Amino acid sequence: MFLNSNAHREAEDHEERQVLSKTVKAGRRTYFFDVRATRADDYYLTITESRKMTQADGSVTYNRHKIFLYKEDFSKFADTLQEVVDFIRRERPQDAHKDEAAQTEEDL
């Protein structure tokens, strides 16, 4: 049976099992942090941003973007993420507080 690359990837995804899933809702965006295990029982992380889009006709679609993060890259990724978040909070503290306040209001 012939599968195009997207169908092939989806078929592989079904063979890998989900170990843990966490969700962060942020206004019109939702972030999914999913830990998956390969057939060889190696873990990796997928981070998916899903953004709700309302079309002119009132229908709703979701734009999704996904990245795959493998265990050999965890430390570099986490260190760099922390570095840039600290930079933004230090350089633009007023923006960081606005975002946190807006997130709190959305959660209510």
PDB file of N, CA and C in Angstrom:
ATOM      1  N   MET A   1       0.851  -1.172   0.000  1.00  0.00           N
ATOM      2  CA  MET A   1       0.000   0.000   0.000  1.00  0.00           C
ATOM      3  C   MET A   1       0.895   1.233   0.000  1.00  0.00           C
ATOM      4  N   PHE A   2       0.583   2.217  -0.842  1.00  0.00           N
ATOM      5  CA  PHE A   2       1.350   3.459  -0.951  1.00  0.00           C
ATOM      6  C   PHE A   2       0.712   4.530  -0.081  1.00  0.00           C
ATOM      7  N   LEU A   3       1.521   5.196   0.728  1.00  0.00           N
ATOM      8  CA  LEU A   3       1.043   6.299   1.563  1.00  0.00           C
ATOM      9  C   LEU A   3       1.839   7.541   1.232  1.00  0.00           C
ATOM     10  N   ASN A   4       1.158   8.686   1.114  1.00  0.00           N
ATOM     11  CA  ASN A   4       1.920   9.926   0.950  1.00  0.00           C
ATOM     12  C   ASN A   4       2.608  10.236   2.273  1.00  0.00           C
ATOM     13  N   SER A   5       3.510  11.218   2.284  1.00  0.00           N
ATOM     14  CA  SER A   5       4.326  11.457   3.479  1.00  0.00           C
ATOM     15  C   SER A   5       3.487  11.833   4.692  1.00  0.00           C
ATOM     16  N   ASN A   6       2.426  12.629   4.526  1.00  0.00           N
ATOM     17  CA  ASN A   6       1.581  12.990   5.665  1.00  0.00           C
ATOM     18  C   ASN A   6       0.839  11.778   6.210  1.00  0.00           C
ATOM     19  N   ALA A   7       0.275  10.979   5.319  1.00  0.00           N
ATOM     20  CA  ALA A   7      -0.444   9.789   5.751  1.00  0.00           C
ATOM     21  C   ALA A   7       0.516   8.810   6.417  1.00  0.00           C
ATOM     22  N   HIS A   8       1.728   8.712   5.870  1.00  0.00           N
ATOM     23  CA  HIS A   8       2.732   7.824   6.461  1.00  0.00           C
ATOM     24  C   HIS A   8       3.071   8.277   7.876  1.00  0.00           C
ATOM     25  N   ARG A   9       3.265   9.574   8.072  1.00  0.00           N
ATOM     26  CA  ARG A   9       3.592  10.107   9.403  1.00  0.00           C
ATOM     27  C   ARG A   9       2.452   9.868  10.376  1.00  0.00           C
ATOM     28  N   GLU A  10       1.201  10.058   9.916  1.00  0.00           N
ATOM     29  CA  GLU A  10       0.052   9.809  10.786  1.00  0.00           C
ATOM     30  C   GLU A  10      -0.015   8.345  11.187  1.00  0.00           C
ATOM     31  N   ALA A  11       0.294   7.455  10.255  1.00  0.00           N
ATOM     32  CA  ALA A  11       0.300   6.026  10.566  1.00  0.00           C
ATOM     33  C   ALA A  11       1.365   5.716  11.612  1.00  0.00           C
ATOM     34  N   GLU A  12       2.544   6.331  11.492  1.00  0.00           N
ATOM     35  CA  GLU A  12       3.596   6.132  12.492  1.00  0.00           C
ATOM     36  C   GLU A  12       3.160   6.670  13.846  1.00  0.00           C
ATOM     37  N   ASP A  13       2.487   7.835  13.865  1.00  0.00           N
ATOM     38  CA  ASP A  13       2.037   8.436  15.118  1.00  0.00           C
ATOM     39  C   ASP A  13       1.111   7.489  15.877  1.00  0.00           C
ATOM     40  N   HIS A  14       0.270   6.751  15.157  1.00  0.00           N
ATOM     41  CA  HIS A  14      -0.659   5.852  15.826  1.00  0.00           C
ATOM     42  C   HIS A  14       0.066   4.669  16.454  1.00  0.00           C
ATOM     43  N   GLU A  15       1.232   4.321  15.926  1.00  0.00           N
ATOM     44  CA  GLU A  15       2.000   3.223  16.488  1.00  0.00           C
ATOM     45  C   GLU A  15       2.746   3.652  17.749  1.00  0.00           C
ATOM     46  N   GLU A  16       2.956   4.938  17.935  1.00  0.00           N
ATOM     47  CA  GLU A  16       3.645   5.441  19.109  1.00  0.00           C
ATOM     48  C   GLU A  16       2.602   5.775  20.166  1.00  0.00           C
ATOM     49  N   ARG A  17       2.910   5.500  21.405  1.00  0.00           N
ATOM     50  CA  ARG A  17       1.902   5.696  22.448  1.00  0.00           C
ATOM     51  C   ARG A  17       2.123   6.996  23.212  1.00  0.00           C
ATOM     52  N   GLN A  18       1.026   7.575  23.608  1.00  0.00           N
ATOM     53  CA  GLN A  18       1.072   8.802  24.390  1.00  0.00           C
ATOM     54  C   GLN A  18       1.264   8.431  25.854  1.00  0.00           C
ATOM     55  N   VAL A  19       2.215   9.101  26.506  1.00  0.00           N
ATOM     56  CA  VAL A  19       2.555   8.807  27.891  1.00  0.00           C
ATOM     57  C   VAL A  19       1.954   9.838  28.836  1.00  0.00           C
ATOM     58  N   LEU A  20       2.005  11.108  28.444  1.00  0.00           N
ATOM     59  CA  LEU A  20       1.532  12.214  29.285  1.00  0.00           C
ATOM     60  C   LEU A  20       1.097  13.348  28.379  1.00  0.00           C
ATOM     61  N   SER A  21       0.040  14.055  28.782  1.00  0.00           N
ATOM     62  CA  SER A  21      -0.412  15.210  28.023  1.00  0.00           C
ATOM     63  C   SER A  21      -0.803  16.315  28.987  1.00  0.00           C
ATOM     64  N   LYS A  22      -0.316  17.516  28.724  1.00  0.00           N
ATOM     65  CA  LYS A  22      -0.667  18.700  29.505  1.00  0.00           C
ATOM     66  C   LYS A  22      -1.144  19.776  28.537  1.00  0.00           C
ATOM     67  N   THR A  23      -2.108  20.574  28.971  1.00  0.00           N
ATOM     68  CA  THR A  23      -2.693  21.611  28.130  1.00  0.00           C
ATOM     69  C   THR A  23      -2.591  22.954  28.820  1.00  0.00           C
ATOM     70  N   VAL A  24      -2.244  23.976  28.035  1.00  0.00           N
ATOM     71  CA  VAL A  24      -2.216  25.354  28.521  1.00  0.00           C
ATOM     72  C   VAL A  24      -3.138  26.162  27.615  1.00  0.00           C
ATOM     73  N   LYS A  25      -4.211  26.705  28.198  1.00  0.00           N
ATOM     74  CA  LYS A  25      -5.126  27.548  27.431  1.00  0.00           C
ATOM     75  C   LYS A  25      -4.703  28.994  27.611  1.00  0.00           C
ATOM     76  N   ALA A  26      -4.612  29.703  26.497  1.00  0.00           N
ATOM     77  CA  ALA A  26      -4.140  31.090  26.515  1.00  0.00           C
ATOM     78  C   ALA A  26      -4.951  31.889  25.497  1.00  0.00           C
ATOM     79  N   GLY A  27      -6.153  32.305  25.891  1.00  0.00           N
ATOM     80  CA  GLY A  27      -6.999  33.073  24.977  1.00  0.00           C
ATOM     81  C   GLY A  27      -7.433  32.209  23.811  1.00  0.00           C
ATOM     82  N   ARG A  28      -7.144  32.683  22.590  1.00  0.00           N
ATOM     83  CA  ARG A  28      -7.521  31.947  21.384  1.00  0.00           C
ATOM     84  C   ARG A  28      -6.545  30.826  21.054  1.00  0.00           C
ATOM     85  N   ARG A  29      -5.502  30.718  21.835  1.00  0.00           N
ATOM     86  CA  ARG A  29      -4.495  29.685  21.603  1.00  0.00           C
ATOM     87  C   ARG A  29      -4.561  28.628  22.705  1.00  0.00           C
ATOM     88  N   THR A  30      -4.273  27.421  22.311  1.00  0.00           N
ATOM     89  CA  THR A  30      -4.113  26.335  23.260  1.00  0.00           C
ATOM     90  C   THR A  30      -2.806  25.640  22.919  1.00  0.00           C
ATOM     91  N   TYR A  31      -2.016  25.370  23.942  1.00  0.00           N
ATOM     92  CA  TYR A  31      -0.747  24.670  23.760  1.00  0.00           C
ATOM     93  C   TYR A  31      -0.873  23.288  24.367  1.00  0.00           C
ATOM     94  N   PHE A  32      -0.446  22.290  23.609  1.00  0.00           N
ATOM     95  CA  PHE A  32      -0.469  20.907  24.065  1.00  0.00           C
ATOM     96  C   PHE A  32       0.967  20.423  24.195  1.00  0.00           C
ATOM     97  N   PHE A  33       1.307  19.903  25.357  1.00  0.00           N
ATOM     98  CA  PHE A  33       2.613  19.320  25.618  1.00  0.00           C
ATOM     99  C   PHE A  33       2.382  17.817  25.779  1.00  0.00           C
ATOM    100  N   ASP A  34       2.821  17.057  24.802  1.00  0.00           N
ATOM    101  CA  ASP A  34       2.562  15.623  24.796  1.00  0.00           C
ATOM    102  C   ASP A  34       3.873  14.842  24.828  1.00  0.00           C
ATOM    103  N   VAL A  35       3.990  13.967  25.808  1.00  0.00           N
ATOM    104  CA  VAL A  35       5.128  13.049  25.873  1.00  0.00           C
ATOM    105  C   VAL A  35       4.673  11.760  25.208  1.00  0.00           C
ATOM    106  N   ARG A  36       5.467  11.314  24.259  1.00  0.00           N
ATOM    107  CA  ARG A  36       5.154  10.089  23.525  1.00  0.00           C
ATOM    108  C   ARG A  36       6.329   9.122  23.635  1.00  0.00           C
ATOM    109  N   ALA A  37       6.023   7.866  23.430  1.00  0.00           N
ATOM    110  CA  ALA A  37       7.057   6.829  23.452  1.00  0.00           C
ATOM    111  C   ALA A  37       7.119   6.175  22.076  1.00  0.00           C
ATOM    112  N   THR A  38       8.322   5.973  21.601  1.00  0.00           N
ATOM    113  CA  THR A  38       8.515   5.270  20.341  1.00  0.00           C
ATOM    114  C   THR A  38       8.364   3.763  20.585  1.00  0.00           C
ATOM    115  N   ARG A  39       8.390   3.010  19.522  1.00  0.00           N
ATOM    116  CA  ARG A  39       8.323   1.547  19.663  1.00  0.00           C
ATOM    117  C   ARG A  39       9.498   1.019  20.475  1.00  0.00           C
ATOM    118  N   ALA A  40      10.635   1.745  20.435  1.00  0.00           N
ATOM    119  CA  ALA A  40      11.817   1.348  21.205  1.00  0.00           C
ATOM    120  C   ALA A  40      11.769   1.888  22.634  1.00  0.00           C
ATOM    121  N   ASP A  41      10.631   2.467  23.018  1.00  0.00           N
ATOM    122  CA  ASP A  41      10.381   3.022  24.354  1.00  0.00           C
ATOM    123  C   ASP A  41      11.272   4.216  24.683  1.00  0.00           C
ATOM    124  N   ASP A  42      11.665   4.984  23.668  1.00  0.00           N
ATOM    125  CA  ASP A  42      12.324   6.275  23.882  1.00  0.00           C
ATOM    126  C   ASP A  42      11.243   7.333  23.970  1.00  0.00           C
ATOM    127  N   TYR A  43      11.419   8.281  24.866  1.00  0.00           N
ATOM    128  CA  TYR A  43      10.444   9.361  25.013  1.00  0.00           C
ATOM    129  C   TYR A  43      10.877  10.578  24.222  1.00  0.00           C
ATOM    130  N   TYR A  44       9.891  11.309  23.722  1.00  0.00           N
ATOM    131  CA  TYR A  44      10.122  12.602  23.082  1.00  0.00           C
ATOM    132  C   TYR A  44       8.911  13.467  23.365  1.00  0.00           C
ATOM    133  N   LEU A  45       9.059  14.746  23.121  1.00  0.00           N
ATOM    134  CA  LEU A  45       8.026  15.727  23.424  1.00  0.00           C
ATOM    135  C   LEU A  45       7.529  16.363  22.136  1.00  0.00           C
ATOM    136  N   THR A  46       6.216  16.491  22.022  1.00  0.00           N
ATOM    137  CA  THR A  46       5.663  17.320  20.957  1.00  0.00           C
ATOM    138  C   THR A  46       4.973  18.502  21.622  1.00  0.00           C
ATOM    139  N   ILE A  47       5.195  19.670  21.055  1.00  0.00           N
ATOM    140  CA  ILE A  47       4.529  20.878  21.519  1.00  0.00           C
ATOM    141  C   ILE A  47       3.690  21.370  20.347  1.00  0.00           C
ATOM    142  N   THR A  48       2.387  21.470  20.569  1.00  0.00           N
ATOM    143  CA  THR A  48       1.472  21.884  19.514  1.00  0.00           C
ATOM    144  C   THR A  48       0.776  23.169  19.938  1.00  0.00           C
ATOM    145  N   GLU A  49       0.824  24.155  19.050  1.00  0.00           N
ATOM    146  CA  GLU A  49       0.035  25.373  19.244  1.00  0.00           C
ATOM    147  C   GLU A  49      -1.193  25.222  18.365  1.00  0.00           C
ATOM    148  N   SER A  50      -2.363  25.359  18.946  1.00  0.00           N
ATOM    149  CA  SER A  50      -3.613  25.306  18.201  1.00  0.00           C
ATOM    150  C   SER A  50      -4.300  26.661  18.379  1.00  0.00           C
ATOM    151  N   ARG A  51      -4.584  27.315  17.257  1.00  0.00           N
ATOM    152  CA  ARG A  51      -5.180  28.648  17.307  1.00  0.00           C
ATOM    153  C   ARG A  51      -6.549  28.601  16.649  1.00  0.00           C
ATOM    154  N   LYS A  52      -7.559  29.040  17.387  1.00  0.00           N
ATOM    155  CA  LYS A  52      -8.932  29.050  16.887  1.00  0.00           C
ATOM    156  C   LYS A  52      -9.119  30.222  15.933  1.00  0.00           C
ATOM    157  N   MET A  53      -9.650  29.925  14.754  1.00  0.00           N
ATOM    158  CA  MET A  53      -9.888  30.946  13.735  1.00  0.00           C
ATOM    159  C   MET A  53     -11.360  30.899  13.345  1.00  0.00           C
ATOM    160  N   THR A  54     -12.041  32.032  13.454  1.00  0.00           N
ATOM    161  CA  THR A  54     -13.435  32.121  13.019  1.00  0.00           C
ATOM    162  C   THR A  54     -13.463  32.717  11.622  1.00  0.00           C
ATOM    163  N   GLN A  55     -14.075  31.993  10.703  1.00  0.00           N
ATOM    164  CA  GLN A  55     -14.156  32.431   9.313  1.00  0.00           C
ATOM    165  C   GLN A  55     -15.285  33.447   9.135  1.00  0.00           C
ATOM    166  N   ALA A  56     -15.287  34.131   8.007  1.00  0.00           N
ATOM    167  CA  ALA A  56     -16.307  35.145   7.709  1.00  0.00           C
ATOM    168  C   ALA A  56     -17.714  34.557   7.745  1.00  0.00           C
ATOM    169  N   ASP A  57     -17.848  33.287   7.376  1.00  0.00           N
ATOM    170  CA  ASP A  57     -19.173  32.651   7.365  1.00  0.00           C
ATOM    171  C   ASP A  57     -19.580  32.113   8.734  1.00  0.00           C
ATOM    172  N   GLY A  58     -18.738  32.345   9.744  1.00  0.00           N
ATOM    173  CA  GLY A  58     -19.041  31.908  11.104  1.00  0.00           C
ATOM    174  C   GLY A  58     -18.489  30.544  11.457  1.00  0.00           C
ATOM    175  N   SER A  59     -17.958  29.818  10.482  1.00  0.00           N
ATOM    176  CA  SER A  59     -17.384  28.507  10.772  1.00  0.00           C
ATOM    177  C   SER A  59     -16.056  28.675  11.513  1.00  0.00           C
ATOM    178  N   VAL A  60     -15.698  27.664  12.235  1.00  0.00           N
ATOM    179  CA  VAL A  60     -14.488  27.699  13.051  1.00  0.00           C
ATOM    180  C   VAL A  60     -13.491  26.676  12.515  1.00  0.00           C
ATOM    181  N   THR A  61     -12.249  27.101  12.405  1.00  0.00           N
ATOM    182  CA  THR A  61     -11.160  26.195  12.052  1.00  0.00           C
ATOM    183  C   THR A  61     -10.049  26.384  13.069  1.00  0.00           C
ATOM    184  N   TYR A  62      -9.125  25.468  13.070  1.00  0.00           N
ATOM    185  CA  TYR A  62      -7.989  25.548  13.982  1.00  0.00           C
ATOM    186  C   TYR A  62      -6.705  25.439  13.180  1.00  0.00           C
ATOM    187  N   ASN A  63      -5.835  26.416  13.351  1.00  0.00           N
ATOM    188  CA  ASN A  63      -4.494  26.349  12.770  1.00  0.00           C
ATOM    189  C   ASN A  63      -3.594  25.680  13.796  1.00  0.00           C
ATOM    190  N   ARG A  64      -2.852  24.687  13.360  1.00  0.00           N
ATOM    191  CA  ARG A  64      -1.980  23.962  14.282  1.00  0.00           C
ATOM    192  C   ARG A  64      -0.548  23.984  13.787  1.00  0.00           C
ATOM    193  N   HIS A  65       0.354  24.174  14.729  1.00  0.00           N
ATOM    194  CA  HIS A  65       1.780  24.110  14.451  1.00  0.00           C
ATOM    195  C   HIS A  65       2.397  23.198  15.505  1.00  0.00           C
ATOM    196  N   LYS A  66       3.249  22.307  15.063  1.00  0.00           N
ATOM    197  CA  LYS A  66       3.802  21.307  15.978  1.00  0.00           C
ATOM    198  C   LYS A  66       5.313  21.259  15.829  1.00  0.00           C
ATOM    199  N   ILE A  67       5.989  21.120  16.977  1.00  0.00           N
ATOM    200  CA  ILE A  67       7.419  20.856  16.958  1.00  0.00           C
ATOM    201  C   ILE A  67       7.669  19.567  17.744  1.00  0.00           C
ATOM    202  N   PHE A  68       8.702  18.876  17.345  1.00  0.00           N
ATOM    203  CA  PHE A  68       9.114  17.646  18.006  1.00  0.00           C
ATOM    204  C   PHE A  68      10.426  17.937  18.718  1.00  0.00           C
ATOM    205  N   LEU A  69      10.497  17.583  19.978  1.00  0.00           N
ATOM    206  CA  LEU A  69      11.698  17.814  20.762  1.00  0.00           C
ATOM    207  C   LEU A  69      12.180  16.475  21.315  1.00  0.00           C
ATOM    208  N   TYR A  70      13.400  16.137  20.943  1.00  0.00           N
ATOM    209  CA  TYR A  70      13.957  14.841  21.333  1.00  0.00           C
ATOM    210  C   TYR A  70      14.864  14.987  22.545  1.00  0.00           C
ATOM    211  N   LYS A  71      14.994  13.899  23.305  1.00  0.00           N
ATOM    212  CA  LYS A  71      15.648  13.953  24.612  1.00  0.00           C
ATOM    213  C   LYS A  71      17.068  14.499  24.561  1.00  0.00           C
ATOM    214  N   GLU A  72      17.775  14.278  23.462  1.00  0.00           N
ATOM    215  CA  GLU A  72      19.141  14.803  23.384  1.00  0.00           C
ATOM    216  C   GLU A  72      19.175  16.328  23.290  1.00  0.00           C
ATOM    217  N   ASP A  73      18.020  16.944  23.029  1.00  0.00           N
ATOM    218  CA  ASP A  73      17.948  18.402  22.914  1.00  0.00           C
ATOM    219  C   ASP A  73      17.258  19.074  24.101  1.00  0.00           C
ATOM    220  N   PHE A  74      16.757  18.296  25.071  1.00  0.00           N
ATOM    221  CA  PHE A  74      15.993  18.864  26.182  1.00  0.00           C
ATOM    222  C   PHE A  74      16.746  19.958  26.926  1.00  0.00           C
ATOM    223  N   SER A  75      17.975  19.684  27.327  1.00  0.00           N
ATOM    224  CA  SER A  75      18.724  20.650  28.142  1.00  0.00           C
ATOM    225  C   SER A  75      18.967  21.948  27.390  1.00  0.00           C
ATOM    226  N   LYS A  76      19.413  21.847  26.150  1.00  0.00           N
ATOM    227  CA  LYS A  76      19.663  23.051  25.353  1.00  0.00           C
ATOM    228  C   LYS A  76      18.377  23.848  25.160  1.00  0.00           C
ATOM    229  N   PHE A  77      17.305  23.149  24.866  1.00  0.00           N
ATOM    230  CA  PHE A  77      16.018  23.811  24.646  1.00  0.00           C
ATOM    231  C   PHE A  77      15.557  24.509  25.929  1.00  0.00           C
ATOM    232  N   ALA A  78      15.558  23.799  27.043  1.00  0.00           N
ATOM    233  CA  ALA A  78      15.096  24.361  28.312  1.00  0.00           C
ATOM    234  C   ALA A  78      15.959  25.544  28.739  1.00  0.00           C
ATOM    235  N   ASP A  79      17.280  25.419  28.602  1.00  0.00           N
ATOM    236  CA  ASP A  79      18.175  26.516  28.975  1.00  0.00           C
ATOM    237  C   ASP A  79      17.926  27.747  28.123  1.00  0.00           C
ATOM    238  N   THR A  80      17.770  27.554  26.825  1.00  0.00           N
ATOM    239  CA  THR A  80      17.556  28.691  25.927  1.00  0.00           C
ATOM    240  C   THR A  80      16.192  29.309  26.146  1.00  0.00           C
ATOM    241  N   LEU A  81      15.169  28.496  26.357  1.00  0.00           N
ATOM    242  CA  LEU A  81      13.835  29.033  26.647  1.00  0.00           C
ATOM    243  C   LEU A  81      13.875  29.874  27.916  1.00  0.00           C
ATOM    244  N   GLN A  82      14.506  29.362  28.964  1.00  0.00           N
ATOM    245  CA  GLN A  82      14.596  30.118  30.214  1.00  0.00           C
ATOM    246  C   GLN A  82      15.358  31.424  30.010  1.00  0.00           C
ATOM    247  N   GLU A  83      16.428  31.374  29.234  1.00  0.00           N
ATOM    248  CA  GLU A  83      17.232  32.566  28.964  1.00  0.00           C
ATOM    249  C   GLU A  83      16.405  33.653  28.262  1.00  0.00           C
ATOM    250  N   VAL A  84      15.636  33.273  27.250  1.00  0.00           N
ATOM    251  CA  VAL A  84      14.877  34.301  26.524  1.00  0.00           C
ATOM    252  C   VAL A  84      13.682  34.795  27.329  1.00  0.00           C
ATOM    253  N   VAL A  85      13.063  33.928  28.114  1.00  0.00           N
ATOM    254  CA  VAL A  85      11.963  34.369  28.979  1.00  0.00           C
ATOM    255  C   VAL A  85      12.493  35.340  30.034  1.00  0.00           C
ATOM    256  N   ASP A  86      13.628  35.024  30.649  1.00  0.00           N
ATOM    257  CA  ASP A  86      14.234  35.932  31.629  1.00  0.00           C
ATOM    258  C   ASP A  86      14.580  37.272  30.988  1.00  0.00           C
ATOM    259  N   PHE A  87      15.105  37.241  29.770  1.00  0.00           N
ATOM    260  CA  PHE A  87      15.438  38.474  29.055  1.00  0.00           C
ATOM    261  C   PHE A  87      14.197  39.328  28.855  1.00  0.00           C
ATOM    262  N   ILE A  88      13.126  38.729  28.387  1.00  0.00           N
ATOM    263  CA  ILE A  88      11.888  39.497  28.148  1.00  0.00           C
ATOM    264  C   ILE A  88      11.354  40.066  29.457  1.00  0.00           C
ATOM    265  N   ARG A  89      11.341  39.264  30.497  1.00  0.00           N
ATOM    266  CA  ARG A  89      10.832  39.749  31.798  1.00  0.00           C
ATOM    267  C   ARG A  89      11.705  40.873  32.354  1.00  0.00           C
ATOM    268  N   ARG A  90      13.001  40.790  32.100  1.00  0.00           N
ATOM    269  CA  ARG A  90      13.920  41.818  32.590  1.00  0.00           C
ATOM    270  C   ARG A  90      13.804  43.093  31.755  1.00  0.00           C
ATOM    271  N   GLU A  91      13.757  42.948  30.440  1.00  0.00           N
ATOM    272  CA  GLU A  91      13.757  44.097  29.545  1.00  0.00           C
ATOM    273  C   GLU A  91      12.385  44.742  29.383  1.00  0.00           C
ATOM    274  N   ARG A  92      11.335  43.960  29.493  1.00  0.00           N
ATOM    275  CA  ARG A  92       9.976  44.460  29.294  1.00  0.00           C
ATOM    276  C   ARG A  92       9.063  43.974  30.414  1.00  0.00           C
ATOM    277  N   PRO A  93       9.373  44.309  31.666  1.00  0.00           N
ATOM    278  CA  PRO A  93       8.579  43.780  32.782  1.00  0.00           C
ATOM    279  C   PRO A  93       7.112  44.199  32.704  1.00  0.00           C
ATOM    280  N   GLN A  94       6.851  45.375  32.149  1.00  0.00           N
ATOM    281  CA  GLN A  94       5.466  45.821  32.035  1.00  0.00           C
ATOM    282  C   GLN A  94       4.675  44.905  31.104  1.00  0.00           C
ATOM    283  N   ASP A  95       5.293  44.403  30.049  1.00  0.00           N
ATOM    284  CA  ASP A  95       4.614  43.498  29.129  1.00  0.00           C
ATOM    285  C   ASP A  95       4.360  42.148  29.778  1.00  0.00           C
ATOM    286  N   ALA A  96       5.308  41.656  30.530  1.00  0.00           N
ATOM    287  CA  ALA A  96       5.163  40.356  31.181  1.00  0.00           C
ATOM    288  C   ALA A  96       4.008  40.388  32.173  1.00  0.00           C
ATOM    289  N   HIS A  97       3.881  41.470  32.925  1.00  0.00           N
ATOM    290  CA  HIS A  97       2.802  41.577  33.904  1.00  0.00           C
ATOM    291  C   HIS A  97       1.447  41.703  33.218  1.00  0.00           C
ATOM    292  N   LYS A  98       1.383  42.415  32.105  1.00  0.00           N
ATOM    293  CA  LYS A  98       0.128  42.526  31.351  1.00  0.00           C
ATOM    294  C   LYS A  98      -0.316  41.158  30.871  1.00  0.00           C
ATOM    295  N   ASP A  99       0.602  40.391  30.333  1.00  0.00           N
ATOM    296  CA  ASP A  99       0.265  39.072  29.823  1.00  0.00           C
ATOM    297  C   ASP A  99      -0.225  38.161  30.939  1.00  0.00           C
ATOM    298  N   GLU A 100       0.438  38.193  32.091  1.00  0.00           N
ATOM    299  CA  GLU A 100       0.035  37.356  33.204  1.00  0.00           C
ATOM    300  C   GLU A 100      -1.329  37.777  33.741  1.00  0.00           C
ATOM    301  N   ALA A 101      -1.595  39.107  33.800  1.00  0.00           N
ATOM    302  CA  ALA A 101      -2.896  39.592  34.254  1.00  0.00           C
ATOM    303  C   ALA A 101      -3.990  39.202  33.271  1.00  0.00           C
ATOM    304  N   ALA A 102      -3.717  39.324  31.982  1.00  0.00           N
ATOM    305  CA  ALA A 102      -4.709  38.952  30.972  1.00  0.00           C
ATOM    306  C   ALA A 102      -5.004  37.460  31.037  1.00  0.00           C
ATOM    307  N   GLN A 103      -3.984  36.654  31.261  1.00  0.00           N
ATOM    308  CA  GLN A 103      -4.177  35.210  31.359  1.00  0.00           C
ATOM    309  C   GLN A 103      -5.046  34.876  32.567  1.00  0.00           C
ATOM    310  N   THR A 104      -4.821  35.549  33.694  1.00  0.00           N
ATOM    311  CA  THR A 104      -5.614  35.308  34.885  1.00  0.00           C
ATOM    312  C   THR A 104      -7.084  35.640  34.638  1.00  0.00           C
ATOM    313  N   GLU A 105      -7.343  36.763  33.959  1.00  0.00           N
ATOM    314  CA  GLU A 105      -8.719  37.151  33.654  1.00  0.00           C
ATOM    315  C   GLU A 105      -9.383  36.141  32.728  1.00  0.00           C
ATOM    316  N   GLU A 106      -8.650  35.611  31.748  1.00  0.00           N
ATOM    317  CA  GLU A 106      -9.207  34.627  30.816  1.00  0.00           C
ATOM    318  C   GLU A 106      -9.563  33.341  31.519  1.00  0.00           C
ATOM    319  N   ASP A 107      -8.822  32.985  32.568  1.00  0.00           N
ATOM    320  CA  ASP A 107      -9.059  31.744  33.280  1.00  0.00           C
ATOM    321  C   ASP A 107     -10.305  31.810  34.159  1.00  0.00           C
ATOM    322  N   LEU A 108     -10.787  33.011  34.452  1.00  0.00           N
ATOM    323  CA  LEU A 108     -11.953  33.144  35.338  1.00  0.00           C
ATOM    324  C   LEU A 108     -13.241  32.757  34.673  1.00  0.00           C
TER     325      LEU A 108
END
